[in-house]
């Protein structure tokens, strides 16, 4: 089944221009039906869905950034409780 730019935009819940940019970025190749009324570029629905699934699989979760110099960063709850309840050492 071939989809128009407007149908791809409806599928992605965006505007036709943004949908075209997404298709270009995903490198989905269009089928050119030629010039004339109701013709133009179309995309195979299966290729669009495969490209979208491919982006879903390659996304990685980002680790939350930890501010530098934070005295609590990288410590477990047990270590923090032990550190806070221990007697201060004299130097």
N, C-alpha and C. Protein backbone atom coordinates (compact mmCIF):
# COMPACT_ATOMS: atom_id res chain seq x y z
N UNK A 1 0.85 -1.17 0.00
CA UNK A 1 0.00 0.00 0.00
C UNK A 1 0.89 1.23 0.00
N UNK A 2 0.58 2.18 -0.84
CA UNK A 2 1.36 3.41 -0.94
C UNK A 2 0.69 4.54 -0.16
N UNK A 3 1.49 5.33 0.52
CA UNK A 3 0.98 6.44 1.33
C UNK A 3 1.44 7.77 0.76
N UNK A 4 0.56 8.76 0.82
CA UNK A 4 0.93 10.13 0.44
C UNK A 4 1.62 10.79 1.62
N UNK A 5 2.15 12.00 1.36
CA UNK A 5 2.79 12.75 2.44
C UNK A 5 1.79 13.08 3.54
N UNK A 6 0.57 13.42 3.15
CA UNK A 6 -0.46 13.74 4.15
C UNK A 6 -0.83 12.51 4.99
N UNK A 7 -0.88 11.35 4.37
CA UNK A 7 -1.19 10.13 5.12
C UNK A 7 -0.06 9.75 6.07
N UNK A 8 1.18 9.97 5.65
CA UNK A 8 2.31 9.72 6.55
C UNK A 8 2.27 10.72 7.70
N UNK A 9 1.89 11.96 7.40
CA UNK A 9 1.77 12.98 8.46
C UNK A 9 0.70 12.59 9.47
N UNK A 10 -0.41 12.06 8.99
CA UNK A 10 -1.47 11.58 9.90
C UNK A 10 -0.96 10.42 10.75
N UNK A 11 -0.20 9.54 10.14
CA UNK A 11 0.36 8.39 10.86
C UNK A 11 1.31 8.84 11.97
N UNK A 12 2.12 9.87 11.67
CA UNK A 12 3.09 10.38 12.64
C UNK A 12 2.52 11.46 13.55
N UNK A 13 1.27 11.87 13.27
CA UNK A 13 0.61 12.95 14.03
C UNK A 13 1.44 14.23 13.99
N UNK A 14 1.75 14.67 12.76
CA UNK A 14 2.56 15.86 12.55
C UNK A 14 2.11 16.53 11.26
N UNK A 15 2.81 17.55 10.84
CA UNK A 15 2.49 18.25 9.60
C UNK A 15 3.13 17.53 8.42
N UNK A 16 2.62 17.76 7.20
CA UNK A 16 3.23 17.12 6.02
C UNK A 16 4.71 17.48 5.82
N UNK A 17 5.08 18.72 6.10
CA UNK A 17 6.49 19.11 5.96
C UNK A 17 7.39 18.39 6.94
N UNK A 18 6.94 18.27 8.16
CA UNK A 18 7.73 17.56 9.17
C UNK A 18 7.80 16.07 8.84
N UNK A 19 6.70 15.52 8.33
CA UNK A 19 6.69 14.11 7.95
C UNK A 19 7.69 13.86 6.82
N UNK A 20 7.75 14.77 5.86
CA UNK A 20 8.70 14.62 4.75
C UNK A 20 10.14 14.67 5.28
N UNK A 21 10.41 15.55 6.24
CA UNK A 21 11.75 15.62 6.84
C UNK A 21 12.10 14.33 7.57
N UNK A 22 11.14 13.75 8.25
CA UNK A 22 11.38 12.48 8.96
C UNK A 22 11.68 11.38 7.96
N UNK A 23 10.92 11.33 6.87
CA UNK A 23 11.15 10.30 5.84
C UNK A 23 12.52 10.47 5.20
N UNK A 24 12.93 11.71 4.96
CA UNK A 24 14.26 11.95 4.39
C UNK A 24 15.35 11.54 5.38
N UNK A 25 15.15 11.87 6.66
CA UNK A 25 16.15 11.53 7.67
C UNK A 25 16.27 10.01 7.85
N UNK A 26 15.14 9.31 7.73
CA UNK A 26 15.15 7.85 7.86
C UNK A 26 15.56 7.16 6.57
N UNK A 27 15.76 7.94 5.52
CA UNK A 27 16.20 7.45 4.22
C UNK A 27 15.22 6.44 3.63
N UNK A 28 13.93 6.74 3.76
CA UNK A 28 12.90 5.93 3.13
C UNK A 28 12.73 6.46 1.71
N UNK A 29 12.92 5.61 0.71
CA UNK A 29 12.88 6.03 -0.68
C UNK A 29 11.43 6.10 -1.18
N UNK A 30 11.06 7.23 -1.82
CA UNK A 30 9.70 7.36 -2.35
C UNK A 30 9.57 6.70 -3.72
N UNK A 31 8.32 6.46 -4.08
CA UNK A 31 7.97 5.99 -5.42
C UNK A 31 7.37 7.19 -6.14
N UNK A 32 7.93 7.56 -7.29
CA UNK A 32 7.42 8.71 -8.04
C UNK A 32 6.41 8.23 -9.06
N UNK A 33 5.14 8.62 -8.87
CA UNK A 33 4.09 8.23 -9.79
C UNK A 33 3.96 9.20 -10.94
N UNK A 34 4.80 10.19 -11.01
CA UNK A 34 4.79 11.14 -12.12
C UNK A 34 4.05 12.41 -11.79
N UNK A 35 3.94 13.25 -12.82
CA UNK A 35 3.27 14.53 -12.66
C UNK A 35 1.80 14.38 -12.96
N UNK A 36 1.03 15.27 -12.42
CA UNK A 36 -0.40 15.26 -12.70
C UNK A 36 -1.22 15.31 -11.44
N UNK A 37 -2.49 15.48 -11.63
CA UNK A 37 -3.39 15.62 -10.50
C UNK A 37 -3.47 14.29 -9.73
N UNK A 38 -3.24 14.36 -8.43
CA UNK A 38 -3.34 13.18 -7.59
C UNK A 38 -2.15 12.25 -7.65
N UNK A 39 -1.13 12.63 -8.41
CA UNK A 39 0.04 11.78 -8.50
C UNK A 39 1.16 12.41 -7.67
N UNK A 40 2.38 11.97 -7.85
CA UNK A 40 3.50 12.52 -7.10
C UNK A 40 4.22 11.44 -6.33
N UNK A 41 4.80 11.85 -5.25
CA UNK A 41 5.59 10.91 -4.44
C UNK A 41 4.71 10.12 -3.49
N UNK A 42 5.03 8.84 -3.36
CA UNK A 42 4.34 7.94 -2.43
C UNK A 42 5.40 7.09 -1.73
N UNK A 43 5.05 6.60 -0.55
CA UNK A 43 5.95 5.75 0.22
C UNK A 43 5.22 4.47 0.56
N UNK A 44 5.95 3.36 0.53
CA UNK A 44 5.38 2.08 0.95
C UNK A 44 5.19 2.11 2.46
N UNK A 45 3.99 1.74 2.89
CA UNK A 45 3.68 1.74 4.32
C UNK A 45 4.60 0.79 5.07
N UNK A 46 4.91 -0.36 4.48
CA UNK A 46 5.77 -1.33 5.15
C UNK A 46 7.17 -0.76 5.38
N UNK A 47 7.70 0.00 4.39
CA UNK A 47 9.03 0.60 4.55
C UNK A 47 9.02 1.70 5.60
N UNK A 48 7.95 2.48 5.64
CA UNK A 48 7.84 3.54 6.66
C UNK A 48 7.81 2.91 8.05
N UNK A 49 7.00 1.85 8.21
CA UNK A 49 6.89 1.21 9.52
C UNK A 49 8.20 0.55 9.93
N UNK A 50 8.90 -0.08 8.98
CA UNK A 50 10.20 -0.70 9.28
C UNK A 50 11.21 0.35 9.73
N UNK A 51 11.23 1.50 9.05
CA UNK A 51 12.16 2.57 9.41
C UNK A 51 11.86 3.11 10.80
N UNK A 52 10.58 3.25 11.12
CA UNK A 52 10.21 3.73 12.45
C UNK A 52 10.57 2.71 13.53
N UNK A 53 10.36 1.43 13.25
CA UNK A 53 10.76 0.39 14.21
C UNK A 53 12.27 0.38 14.40
N UNK A 54 13.01 0.62 13.33
CA UNK A 54 14.47 0.66 13.42
C UNK A 54 14.95 1.77 14.34
N UNK A 55 14.29 2.92 14.32
CA UNK A 55 14.69 4.01 15.21
C UNK A 55 14.35 3.67 16.65
N UNK A 56 13.28 2.94 16.84
CA UNK A 56 12.88 2.57 18.20
C UNK A 56 13.90 1.64 18.84
N UNK A 57 14.45 0.72 18.07
CA UNK A 57 15.39 -0.25 18.60
C UNK A 57 16.76 0.36 18.89
N UNK A 58 17.14 1.42 18.16
CA UNK A 58 18.48 1.97 18.32
C UNK A 58 18.57 3.06 19.38
N UNK A 59 17.44 3.53 19.88
CA UNK A 59 17.50 4.57 20.91
C UNK A 59 17.98 3.97 22.22
N UNK A 60 18.86 4.70 22.87
CA UNK A 60 19.38 4.26 24.16
C UNK A 60 18.92 5.22 25.24
N UNK A 61 18.76 4.69 26.41
CA UNK A 61 18.42 5.55 27.53
C UNK A 61 19.67 6.28 27.98
N UNK A 62 19.50 7.54 28.20
CA UNK A 62 20.64 8.33 28.67
C UNK A 62 20.71 8.27 30.18
N UNK A 63 21.93 8.20 30.68
CA UNK A 63 22.12 8.22 32.12
C UNK A 63 21.89 9.65 32.60
N UNK A 64 21.21 9.82 33.70
CA UNK A 64 21.03 11.18 34.21
C UNK A 64 22.38 11.75 34.62
N UNK A 65 22.58 13.00 34.29
CA UNK A 65 23.86 13.62 34.62
C UNK A 65 23.93 13.90 36.11
N UNK A 66 25.09 13.68 36.68
CA UNK A 66 25.32 13.91 38.10
C UNK A 66 26.20 15.14 38.21
N UNK A 67 25.74 16.13 38.96
CA UNK A 67 26.56 17.33 39.11
C UNK A 67 27.90 16.99 39.77
N UNK A 68 28.95 17.62 39.26
CA UNK A 68 30.29 17.35 39.83
C UNK A 68 30.41 18.01 41.19
N UNK A 69 31.15 17.36 42.04
CA UNK A 69 31.37 17.90 43.38
C UNK A 69 30.26 17.55 44.35
N UNK A 70 29.30 16.78 43.92
CA UNK A 70 28.22 16.38 44.80
C UNK A 70 28.73 15.28 45.73
N UNK A 71 28.64 15.50 47.06
CA UNK A 71 29.21 14.53 48.00
C UNK A 71 28.35 13.27 48.12
N UNK A 72 27.14 13.27 47.54
CA UNK A 72 26.27 12.11 47.62
C UNK A 72 26.29 11.28 46.35
N UNK A 73 26.94 11.77 45.32
CA UNK A 73 26.90 11.09 44.03
C UNK A 73 27.64 9.76 44.09
N UNK A 74 27.05 8.74 43.53
CA UNK A 74 27.70 7.44 43.42
C UNK A 74 27.71 6.61 44.69
N UNK A 75 26.99 7.04 45.71
CA UNK A 75 26.97 6.29 46.97
C UNK A 75 25.60 5.66 47.16
N UNK A 76 25.60 4.48 47.73
CA UNK A 76 24.33 3.81 48.00
C UNK A 76 23.70 4.41 49.26
N UNK A 77 22.45 4.08 49.47
CA UNK A 77 21.74 4.58 50.65
C UNK A 77 22.41 4.08 51.93
N UNK A 78 22.88 2.84 51.92
CA UNK A 78 23.55 2.27 53.10
C UNK A 78 24.82 3.05 53.42
N UNK A 79 25.60 3.37 52.39
CA UNK A 79 26.84 4.13 52.60
C UNK A 79 26.55 5.52 53.13
N UNK A 80 25.50 6.16 52.62
CA UNK A 80 25.15 7.50 53.08
C UNK A 80 24.70 7.49 54.53
N UNK A 81 23.88 6.50 54.91
CA UNK A 81 23.42 6.41 56.30
C UNK A 81 24.59 6.14 57.23
N UNK A 82 25.48 5.26 56.83
CA UNK A 82 26.65 4.97 57.66
C UNK A 82 27.53 6.20 57.81
N UNK A 83 27.68 6.96 56.74
CA UNK A 83 28.52 8.15 56.79
C UNK A 83 27.89 9.24 57.66
N UNK A 84 26.58 9.39 57.59
CA UNK A 84 25.90 10.42 58.34
C UNK A 84 25.75 10.08 59.84
N UNK A 85 25.68 8.79 60.17
CA UNK A 85 25.49 8.41 61.56
C UNK A 85 26.79 8.10 62.28
N UNK A 86 27.88 8.02 61.56
CA UNK A 86 29.16 7.72 62.22
C UNK A 86 29.69 8.95 62.92
N UNK A 87 30.55 8.68 63.89
CA UNK A 87 31.16 9.77 64.65
C UNK A 87 32.18 10.49 63.77
N UNK A 88 32.22 11.79 63.86
CA UNK A 88 33.20 12.53 63.03
C UNK A 88 34.63 12.20 63.48
N UNK A 89 35.50 12.08 62.51
CA UNK A 89 36.91 11.81 62.82
C UNK A 89 37.67 13.11 62.98
N UNK A 90 38.60 13.13 63.92
CA UNK A 90 39.39 14.34 64.17
C UNK A 90 40.69 14.22 63.43
N UNK A 91 41.09 15.33 62.85
CA UNK A 91 42.35 15.34 62.14
C UNK A 91 43.35 16.23 62.79
